[in-house]
Protein backbone atom coordinates (compact mmCIF):
# COMPACT_ATOMS: atom_id res chain seq x y z
CA ALA A 1 -0.93 3.14 -6.07
CA GLY A 2 0.92 1.83 -3.04
CA LEU A 3 0.76 5.11 -1.16
CA ALA A 4 -2.85 5.84 -2.13
CA GLY A 5 -3.98 2.34 -1.23
CA GLY A 6 -2.18 2.19 2.10
CA ALA A 7 0.01 -0.71 1.02
CA ASP A 8 2.30 -2.44 3.50
CA ALA A 9 4.97 -2.72 0.79
CA ALA A 10 5.34 -1.49 -2.78
CA TYR A 11 7.78 -2.89 -5.31
CA ILE A 12 8.53 -0.55 -8.19
CA PHE A 13 11.17 -0.55 -10.92
CA GLU A 14 12.62 2.78 -9.76
CA GLU A 15 13.69 1.18 -6.48
CA PRO A 16 15.39 -2.18 -6.96
CA PHE A 17 14.72 -4.73 -4.22
CA THR A 18 16.24 -8.00 -3.10
CA ILE A 19 15.06 -11.23 -1.53
CA ALA A 20 16.09 -9.71 1.82
CA ASP A 21 13.58 -6.89 1.25
CA LEU A 22 10.88 -9.46 0.49
CA GLN A 23 11.76 -11.37 3.67
CA LYS A 24 11.64 -8.19 5.77
CA ASP A 25 8.23 -7.24 4.34
CA LEU A 26 6.95 -10.78 4.84
CA ALA A 27 8.05 -10.69 8.50
CA HIS A 28 6.26 -7.35 8.90
CA MET A 29 3.07 -8.83 7.43
CA MET A 30 3.25 -11.86 9.72
CA ASP A 31 3.76 -9.63 12.79
CA LYS A 32 0.83 -7.49 11.70
CA PHE A 33 -1.51 -10.48 11.38
CA ARG A 34 -0.33 -11.97 14.66
CA SER A 35 -1.12 -8.67 16.39
CA GLY A 36 -4.74 -8.92 15.22
CA ILE A 37 -4.69 -6.68 12.13
CA LEU A 38 -6.11 -9.13 9.62
CA ARG A 39 -5.51 -7.30 6.37
CA GLY A 40 -2.52 -6.39 4.27
CA THR A 41 -1.67 -5.14 0.80
CA ILE A 42 1.44 -5.58 -1.29
CA VAL A 43 1.71 -3.62 -4.55
CA ARG A 44 4.04 -4.79 -7.31
CA ASN A 45 4.69 -2.93 -10.55
CA GLU A 46 4.61 -5.33 -13.47
CA LYS A 47 8.08 -4.24 -14.63
CA CYS A 48 9.82 -4.03 -11.23
CA SER A 49 11.67 -7.34 -11.55
CA ASP A 50 12.14 -10.09 -14.11
CA HIS A 51 12.86 -12.60 -11.34
CA TYR A 52 10.51 -11.65 -8.50
CA THR A 53 7.28 -11.97 -10.44
CA THR A 54 3.78 -11.50 -9.02
CA ASN A 55 3.40 -15.27 -8.96
CA PHE A 56 6.72 -15.67 -7.12
CA VAL A 57 5.85 -13.05 -4.48
CA THR A 58 2.41 -14.60 -3.95
CA SER A 59 3.91 -18.09 -3.65
CA LEU A 60 6.56 -16.83 -1.21
CA TYR A 61 3.96 -15.19 1.02
CA ASN A 62 1.73 -18.28 0.92
CA ALA A 63 4.58 -20.67 1.69
CA GLU A 64 6.16 -18.66 4.50
CA GLY A 65 2.96 -17.25 5.95
CA ARG A 66 0.93 -20.45 5.65
CA ASP A 67 0.16 -20.69 9.37
CA VAL A 68 -0.74 -17.00 9.65
CA PHE A 69 -2.49 -15.85 6.46
CA VAL A 70 -3.34 -16.68 2.85
CA ALA A 71 -2.06 -14.47 0.04
CA ARG A 72 -4.04 -13.85 -3.13
CA GLU A 73 -2.91 -12.05 -6.23
CA LEU A 74 -4.93 -9.53 -8.18
CA VAL A 75 -3.77 -7.94 -11.41
CA LEU A 76 -5.18 -4.44 -11.12
CA GLY A 77 -5.53 -3.90 -14.86
CA HIS A 78 -8.08 -6.70 -14.90
CA LEU A 79 -10.03 -4.98 -12.15
CA GLN A 80 -10.09 -1.43 -13.49
CA GLN A 81 -12.75 -1.32 -16.14
CA GLY A 82 -13.70 2.35 -15.87
CA ASN A 83 -16.97 1.81 -14.07
CA PHE A 84 -18.60 4.32 -11.73
CA PRO A 85 -17.22 4.59 -8.17
CA SER A 86 -19.04 2.59 -5.53
CA PRO A 87 -20.38 4.24 -2.36
CA PHE A 88 -17.31 2.89 -0.56
CA ASP A 89 -15.01 4.51 -3.15
CA ARG A 90 -16.77 7.85 -2.74
CA SER A 91 -16.62 7.65 1.05
CA MET A 92 -12.93 6.71 1.06
CA GLY A 93 -12.14 9.52 -1.39
CA ALA A 94 -13.91 12.03 0.86
CA LYS A 95 -11.99 10.77 3.91
CA TYR A 96 -8.67 11.12 2.08
CA ALA A 97 -9.61 14.64 0.97
CA VAL A 98 -10.49 15.68 4.55
CA GLN A 99 -7.16 14.36 5.84
CA ALA A 100 -5.26 16.12 3.05
CA VAL A 101 -6.92 19.46 3.82
CA ARG A 102 -6.25 19.02 7.55
CA TYR A 103 -2.61 18.29 6.87
CA LEU A 104 -2.20 21.27 4.54
CA SER A 105 -4.00 23.56 7.00
CA SER A 106 -1.72 22.46 9.84
CA LYS A 107 1.38 23.14 7.73
CA VAL A 108 0.13 26.61 6.79
CA ALA A 109 -0.60 27.36 10.45
CA GLU A 110 2.86 26.15 11.50
CA ASN A 111 4.54 28.49 9.04
CA LEU A 112 2.58 31.68 9.71
CA GLN A 113 4.08 34.38 11.88
CA GLU A 114 2.11 36.16 14.58
CA ASP A 115 1.20 38.95 12.14
CA GLY A 116 -0.25 36.39 9.69
CA LYS A 117 2.64 36.64 7.22
CA ARG A 118 5.08 33.99 6.12
């Protein structure tokens, strides 16, 4: 979800993280907002940490970033209700597909020899 959604940081149980990681990601978010990019996404798996809960991460971002941005939490399971994709969803999906095909095409072209063989 973090990769697909273009998240600035993703916290998952397969990759343990520390308060130092949270501080580094918070500093990145603050720099991003100060540079004029006024959006950011943090993804947190519900089982990634017993101590660094969604509420804790949201509170940390709000406290430390209070002069720069406001953090809001959204539990994705509450959002995903299986409805039909919106026009925005369809457009974004098409854009991702185009970029994926371009990337794959470039990799195929890079690996072909002059005679068209691998």
